[in-house]
């Protein structure tokens, strides 16, 4: 059985990319392991804790993922493959009692903010953008009450649902053809 580490947690775009890549390229069973950061993913591949690592590399609207580029510096790993998937961002709140007027913050990953920059400025320009390590961790934090009810999160639809959040608005990405390329790394 192969272990695939990925950037983010359950419900992240990287998890989806890892799942699709594994289904298309592995002939054996696999386990997906959330490792949150690109550096942690690559370190776990280098130390053979996982067989493959999946990290986001670039988005066709938001550009390169700086976190991943920094983590790739001086790595001995080999690029094993890549996969590009569509990315959709949705705005979620804690529960159905929260209105847009009560929101003061939008929490998400910096790449999500880049991919939704125009829409956020136009529709939600008064809100403060707060960076989190992953779109899905932001959703989990809001769902678990770690973030205040004055917060909304920008994440994948499944991350919002997994955290039992309430959808406020769908498809905030500026580019309707929003896509991210993920690369797969291994020692071989």
C-alpha atoms as a PDB file:
ATOM      1  CA  UNK A   1       0.000   0.000   0.000  1.00  0.00           C
ATOM      2  CA  UNK A   2       1.328   3.425  -0.984  1.00  0.00           C
ATOM      3  CA  UNK A   3       1.096   6.513   1.229  1.00  0.00           C
ATOM      4  CA  UNK A   4       0.519   9.864  -0.457  1.00  0.00           C
ATOM      5  CA  UNK A   5       1.149  12.968   1.606  1.00  0.00           C
ATOM      6  CA  UNK A   6      -0.502  16.178   0.523  1.00  0.00           C
ATOM      7  CA  UNK A   7      -0.467  19.857   1.362  1.00  0.00           C
ATOM      8  CA  UNK A   8      -3.496  20.864   3.428  1.00  0.00           C
ATOM      9  CA  UNK A   9      -6.000  18.750   5.305  1.00  0.00           C
ATOM     10  CA  UNK A  10      -9.153  16.809   4.463  1.00  0.00           C
ATOM     11  CA  UNK A  11     -11.314  18.929   2.195  1.00  0.00           C
ATOM     12  CA  UNK A  12      -8.394  20.790   0.621  1.00  0.00           C
ATOM     13  CA  UNK A  13      -7.741  21.200  -3.081  1.00  0.00           C
ATOM     14  CA  UNK A  14      -4.510  19.246  -2.634  1.00  0.00           C
ATOM     15  CA  UNK A  15      -6.420  16.300  -1.208  1.00  0.00           C
ATOM     16  CA  UNK A  16      -8.625  16.269  -4.302  1.00  0.00           C
ATOM     17  CA  UNK A  17      -5.582  16.476  -6.585  1.00  0.00           C
ATOM     18  CA  UNK A  18      -3.844  13.653  -4.680  1.00  0.00           C
ATOM     19  CA  UNK A  19      -6.940  11.452  -4.890  1.00  0.00           C
ATOM     20  CA  UNK A  20      -7.381  11.979  -8.638  1.00  0.00           C
ATOM     21  CA  UNK A  21      -3.662  11.443  -9.318  1.00  0.00           C
ATOM     22  CA  UNK A  22      -3.626   8.219  -7.268  1.00  0.00           C
ATOM     23  CA  UNK A  23      -6.733   6.850  -8.987  1.00  0.00           C
ATOM     24  CA  UNK A  24      -5.190   7.553 -12.400  1.00  0.00           C
ATOM     25  CA  UNK A  25      -1.609   6.399 -11.730  1.00  0.00           C
ATOM     26  CA  UNK A  26      -1.442   3.777  -8.990  1.00  0.00           C
ATOM     27  CA  UNK A  27      -2.326   0.151  -9.523  1.00  0.00           C
ATOM     28  CA  UNK A  28      -2.381  -0.593  -5.800  1.00  0.00           C
ATOM     29  CA  UNK A  29      -4.257   0.614  -2.767  1.00  0.00           C
ATOM     30  CA  UNK A  30      -3.234   3.918  -1.243  1.00  0.00           C
ATOM     31  CA  UNK A  31      -3.733   6.095   1.808  1.00  0.00           C
ATOM     32  CA  UNK A  32      -3.955   9.880   1.652  1.00  0.00           C
ATOM     33  CA  UNK A  33      -2.173  11.635   4.512  1.00  0.00           C
ATOM     34  CA  UNK A  34      -2.781  15.341   5.251  1.00  0.00           C
ATOM     35  CA  UNK A  35       0.521  17.088   6.003  1.00  0.00           C
ATOM     36  CA  UNK A  36      -0.636  20.759   5.919  1.00  0.00           C
ATOM     37  CA  UNK A  37       2.483  22.486   4.542  1.00  0.00           C
ATOM     38  CA  UNK A  38       4.509  21.979   1.377  1.00  0.00           C
ATOM     39  CA  UNK A  39       7.699  21.769   3.424  1.00  0.00           C
ATOM     40  CA  UNK A  40       6.229  19.028   5.611  1.00  0.00           C
ATOM     41  CA  UNK A  41       5.075  17.099   2.536  1.00  0.00           C
ATOM     42  CA  UNK A  42       8.537  17.175   0.930  1.00  0.00           C
ATOM     43  CA  UNK A  43      10.287  16.383   4.220  1.00  0.00           C
ATOM     44  CA  UNK A  44       8.083  13.332   4.723  1.00  0.00           C
ATOM     45  CA  UNK A  45       8.925  12.112   1.214  1.00  0.00           C
ATOM     46  CA  UNK A  46      12.647  12.691   1.802  1.00  0.00           C
ATOM     47  CA  UNK A  47      12.540  10.762   5.102  1.00  0.00           C
ATOM     48  CA  UNK A  48      10.470   7.996   3.494  1.00  0.00           C
ATOM     49  CA  UNK A  49       7.469   8.476   5.785  1.00  0.00           C
ATOM     50  CA  UNK A  50       5.362   8.732   2.627  1.00  0.00           C
ATOM     51  CA  UNK A  51       5.898   7.352  -0.879  1.00  0.00           C
ATOM     52  CA  UNK A  52       4.638  10.385  -2.801  1.00  0.00           C
ATOM     53  CA  UNK A  53       4.025  14.035  -1.994  1.00  0.00           C
ATOM     54  CA  UNK A  54       1.502  16.317  -3.697  1.00  0.00           C
ATOM     55  CA  UNK A  55       1.897  20.095  -3.533  1.00  0.00           C
ATOM     56  CA  UNK A  56       0.289  23.025  -5.350  1.00  0.00           C
ATOM     57  CA  UNK A  57       2.688  24.689  -7.790  1.00  0.00           C
ATOM     58  CA  UNK A  58       0.836  27.353  -9.747  1.00  0.00           C
ATOM     59  CA  UNK A  59      -2.588  28.706 -10.483  1.00  0.00           C
ATOM     60  CA  UNK A  60      -3.550  30.113 -13.874  1.00  0.00           C
ATOM     61  CA  UNK A  61      -4.846  33.279 -12.202  1.00  0.00           C
ATOM     62  CA  UNK A  62      -3.023  33.565  -8.858  1.00  0.00           C
ATOM     63  CA  UNK A  63       0.424  32.569 -10.158  1.00  0.00           C
ATOM     64  CA  UNK A  64       3.050  30.440  -8.440  1.00  0.00           C
ATOM     65  CA  UNK A  65       2.507  29.118  -4.930  1.00  0.00           C
ATOM     66  CA  UNK A  66       5.350  30.752  -3.015  1.00  0.00           C
ATOM     67  CA  UNK A  67       5.155  28.287  -0.130  1.00  0.00           C
ATOM     68  CA  UNK A  68       5.796  25.391  -2.521  1.00  0.00           C
ATOM     69  CA  UNK A  69       8.558  27.167  -4.428  1.00  0.00           C
ATOM     70  CA  UNK A  70      10.354  27.892  -1.157  1.00  0.00           C
ATOM     71  CA  UNK A  71       9.974  24.268  -0.022  1.00  0.00           C
ATOM     72  CA  UNK A  72      11.397  22.974  -3.317  1.00  0.00           C
ATOM     73  CA  UNK A  73      14.690  24.832  -2.915  1.00  0.00           C
ATOM     74  CA  UNK A  74      17.535  22.307  -2.601  1.00  0.00           C
ATOM     75  CA  UNK A  75      15.287  19.253  -2.521  1.00  0.00           C
ATOM     76  CA  UNK A  76      16.730  15.970  -3.819  1.00  0.00           C
ATOM     77  CA  UNK A  77      13.271  14.750  -4.799  1.00  0.00           C
ATOM     78  CA  UNK A  78      12.203  13.899  -8.318  1.00  0.00           C
ATOM     79  CA  UNK A  79       9.069  15.226  -9.947  1.00  0.00           C
ATOM     80  CA  UNK A  80       7.027  12.086 -10.585  1.00  0.00           C
ATOM     81  CA  UNK A  81       4.015  13.671 -12.216  1.00  0.00           C
ATOM     82  CA  UNK A  82       1.540  16.506 -12.209  1.00  0.00           C
ATOM     83  CA  UNK A  83      -2.166  17.088 -12.318  1.00  0.00           C
ATOM     84  CA  UNK A  84      -4.229  20.198 -12.990  1.00  0.00           C
ATOM     85  CA  UNK A  85      -7.690  20.515 -11.484  1.00  0.00           C
ATOM     86  CA  UNK A  86     -10.384  23.206 -11.541  1.00  0.00           C
ATOM     87  CA  UNK A  87     -10.577  25.278  -8.359  1.00  0.00           C
ATOM     88  CA  UNK A  88     -13.781  26.809  -7.031  1.00  0.00           C
ATOM     89  CA  UNK A  89     -13.992  29.059  -3.987  1.00  0.00           C
ATOM     90  CA  UNK A  90     -17.084  29.436  -1.829  1.00  0.00           C
ATOM     91  CA  UNK A  91     -17.804  31.774   1.058  1.00  0.00           C
ATOM     92  CA  UNK A  92     -19.085  30.099   4.225  1.00  0.00           C
ATOM     93  CA  UNK A  93     -20.242  31.381   7.610  1.00  0.00           C
ATOM     94  CA  UNK A  94     -20.652  29.641  10.976  1.00  0.00           C
ATOM     95  CA  UNK A  95     -24.426  29.195  10.882  1.00  0.00           C
ATOM     96  CA  UNK A  96     -27.643  30.522   9.374  1.00  0.00           C
ATOM     97  CA  UNK A  97     -27.958  33.291  11.963  1.00  0.00           C
ATOM     98  CA  UNK A  98     -24.897  35.104  10.543  1.00  0.00           C
ATOM     99  CA  UNK A  99     -25.604  37.763   7.918  1.00  0.00           C
ATOM    100  CA  UNK A 100     -23.157  39.449   5.570  1.00  0.00           C
ATOM    101  CA  UNK A 101     -23.482  42.666   7.608  1.00  0.00           C
ATOM    102  CA  UNK A 102     -22.145  40.873  10.701  1.00  0.00           C
ATOM    103  CA  UNK A 103     -19.008  39.597   8.983  1.00  0.00           C
ATOM    104  CA  UNK A 104     -15.774  41.515   9.594  1.00  0.00           C
ATOM    105  CA  UNK A 105     -13.168  38.995   8.395  1.00  0.00           C
ATOM    106  CA  UNK A 106     -12.592  36.539   5.552  1.00  0.00           C
ATOM    107  CA  UNK A 107     -10.117  33.785   6.439  1.00  0.00           C
ATOM    108  CA  UNK A 108      -8.326  31.623   3.866  1.00  0.00           C
ATOM    109  CA  UNK A 109      -5.037  30.653   2.216  1.00  0.00           C
ATOM    110  CA  UNK A 110      -3.136  33.462   0.422  1.00  0.00           C
ATOM    111  CA  UNK A 111      -3.562  31.703  -2.955  1.00  0.00           C
ATOM    112  CA  UNK A 112      -7.351  31.679  -2.536  1.00  0.00           C
ATOM    113  CA  UNK A 113      -7.238  35.428  -1.908  1.00  0.00           C
ATOM    114  CA  UNK A 114      -5.177  35.957  -5.071  1.00  0.00           C
ATOM    115  CA  UNK A 115      -7.624  33.873  -7.115  1.00  0.00           C
ATOM    116  CA  UNK A 116     -10.616  35.858  -5.786  1.00  0.00           C
ATOM    117  CA  UNK A 117      -8.967  39.266  -5.445  1.00  0.00           C
ATOM    118  CA  UNK A 118     -11.239  41.194  -7.818  1.00  0.00           C
ATOM    119  CA  UNK A 119     -14.453  39.639  -6.568  1.00  0.00           C
ATOM    120  CA  UNK A 120     -13.491  40.192  -2.934  1.00  0.00           C
ATOM    121  CA  UNK A 121     -12.623  43.847  -3.565  1.00  0.00           C
ATOM    122  CA  UNK A 122     -15.839  44.483  -5.480  1.00  0.00           C
ATOM    123  CA  UNK A 123     -18.291  42.623  -3.245  1.00  0.00           C
ATOM    124  CA  UNK A 124     -16.547  42.477   0.123  1.00  0.00           C
ATOM    125  CA  UNK A 125     -14.030  45.319   0.076  1.00  0.00           C
ATOM    126  CA  UNK A 126     -14.847  46.375   3.628  1.00  0.00           C
ATOM    127  CA  UNK A 127     -13.843  42.976   5.050  1.00  0.00           C
ATOM    128  CA  UNK A 128     -10.394  42.290   6.457  1.00  0.00           C
ATOM    129  CA  UNK A 129      -8.571  39.360   4.818  1.00  0.00           C
ATOM    130  CA  UNK A 130      -6.923  37.025   7.327  1.00  0.00           C
ATOM    131  CA  UNK A 131      -4.376  34.475   6.131  1.00  0.00           C
ATOM    132  CA  UNK A 132      -4.603  30.856   7.224  1.00  0.00           C
ATOM    133  CA  UNK A 133      -2.347  27.916   6.323  1.00  0.00           C
ATOM    134  CA  UNK A 134      -5.031  26.219   4.227  1.00  0.00           C
ATOM    135  CA  UNK A 135      -8.566  26.836   2.978  1.00  0.00           C
ATOM    136  CA  UNK A 136      -9.816  23.669   4.664  1.00  0.00           C
ATOM    137  CA  UNK A 137      -8.140  24.440   8.003  1.00  0.00           C
ATOM    138  CA  UNK A 138      -9.877  27.819   7.962  1.00  0.00           C
ATOM    139  CA  UNK A 139     -13.200  26.029   7.452  1.00  0.00           C
ATOM    140  CA  UNK A 140     -12.438  23.577  10.255  1.00  0.00           C
ATOM    141  CA  UNK A 141     -11.470  26.413  12.615  1.00  0.00           C
ATOM    142  CA  UNK A 142     -14.726  28.246  11.926  1.00  0.00           C
ATOM    143  CA  UNK A 143     -16.748  25.055  12.336  1.00  0.00           C
ATOM    144  CA  UNK A 144     -15.023  24.268  15.650  1.00  0.00           C
ATOM    145  CA  UNK A 145     -15.571  27.768  17.027  1.00  0.00           C
ATOM    146  CA  UNK A 146     -11.889  28.749  16.938  1.00  0.00           C
ATOM    147  CA  UNK A 147     -12.736  31.674  14.659  1.00  0.00           C
ATOM    148  CA  UNK A 148     -15.360  34.195  15.730  1.00  0.00           C
ATOM    149  CA  UNK A 149     -18.831  34.291  14.188  1.00  0.00           C
ATOM    150  CA  UNK A 150     -17.717  37.586  12.624  1.00  0.00           C
ATOM    151  CA  UNK A 151     -15.555  35.502  10.309  1.00  0.00           C
ATOM    152  CA  UNK A 152     -16.341  33.933   6.971  1.00  0.00           C
ATOM    153  CA  UNK A 153     -14.066  31.449   5.213  1.00  0.00           C
ATOM    154  CA  UNK A 154     -13.165  31.038   1.568  1.00  0.00           C
ATOM    155  CA  UNK A 155     -12.819  27.326   0.767  1.00  0.00           C
ATOM    156  CA  UNK A 156     -13.867  24.348  -1.358  1.00  0.00           C
ATOM    157  CA  UNK A 157     -17.500  23.311  -1.153  1.00  0.00           C
ATOM    158  CA  UNK A 158     -16.678  19.989   0.481  1.00  0.00           C
ATOM    159  CA  UNK A 159     -14.572  21.699   3.183  1.00  0.00           C
ATOM    160  CA  UNK A 160     -17.500  23.943   4.112  1.00  0.00           C
ATOM    161  CA  UNK A 161     -19.883  20.990   4.231  1.00  0.00           C
ATOM    162  CA  UNK A 162     -17.463  18.827   6.235  1.00  0.00           C
ATOM    163  CA  UNK A 163     -17.243  21.595   8.835  1.00  0.00           C
ATOM    164  CA  UNK A 164     -21.058  22.005   8.932  1.00  0.00           C
ATOM    165  CA  UNK A 165     -20.904  25.606   7.755  1.00  0.00           C
ATOM    166  CA  UNK A 166     -23.548  27.590   5.921  1.00  0.00           C
ATOM    167  CA  UNK A 167     -22.936  28.663   2.332  1.00  0.00           C
ATOM    168  CA  UNK A 168     -23.157  32.405   1.791  1.00  0.00           C
ATOM    169  CA  UNK A 169     -21.982  32.644  -1.833  1.00  0.00           C
ATOM    170  CA  UNK A 170     -20.560  30.307  -4.491  1.00  0.00           C
ATOM    171  CA  UNK A 171     -17.861  30.768  -7.124  1.00  0.00           C
ATOM    172  CA  UNK A 172     -15.958  33.805  -5.942  1.00  0.00           C
ATOM    173  CA  UNK A 173     -12.968  33.017  -8.185  1.00  0.00           C
ATOM    174  CA  UNK A 174     -12.194  35.861 -10.609  1.00  0.00           C
ATOM    175  CA  UNK A 175     -11.492  33.498 -13.504  1.00  0.00           C
ATOM    176  CA  UNK A 176     -14.303  31.082 -14.374  1.00  0.00           C
ATOM    177  CA  UNK A 177     -11.618  28.745 -15.760  1.00  0.00           C
ATOM    178  CA  UNK A 178      -9.640  28.823 -12.474  1.00  0.00           C
ATOM    179  CA  UNK A 179      -7.164  25.911 -12.343  1.00  0.00           C
ATOM    180  CA  UNK A 180      -4.225  24.868 -10.201  1.00  0.00           C
ATOM    181  CA  UNK A 181      -1.371  22.607 -11.199  1.00  0.00           C
ATOM    182  CA  UNK A 182      -0.156  20.205  -8.526  1.00  0.00           C
ATOM    183  CA  UNK A 183       3.106  18.318  -8.763  1.00  0.00           C
ATOM    184  CA  UNK A 184       3.849  14.893  -7.352  1.00  0.00           C
ATOM    185  CA  UNK A 185       7.288  14.186  -5.846  1.00  0.00           C
ATOM    186  CA  UNK A 186       9.078  11.004  -4.811  1.00  0.00           C
ATOM    187  CA  UNK A 187      12.613   9.799  -4.105  1.00  0.00           C
ATOM    188  CA  UNK A 188      12.686   7.793  -7.344  1.00  0.00           C
END
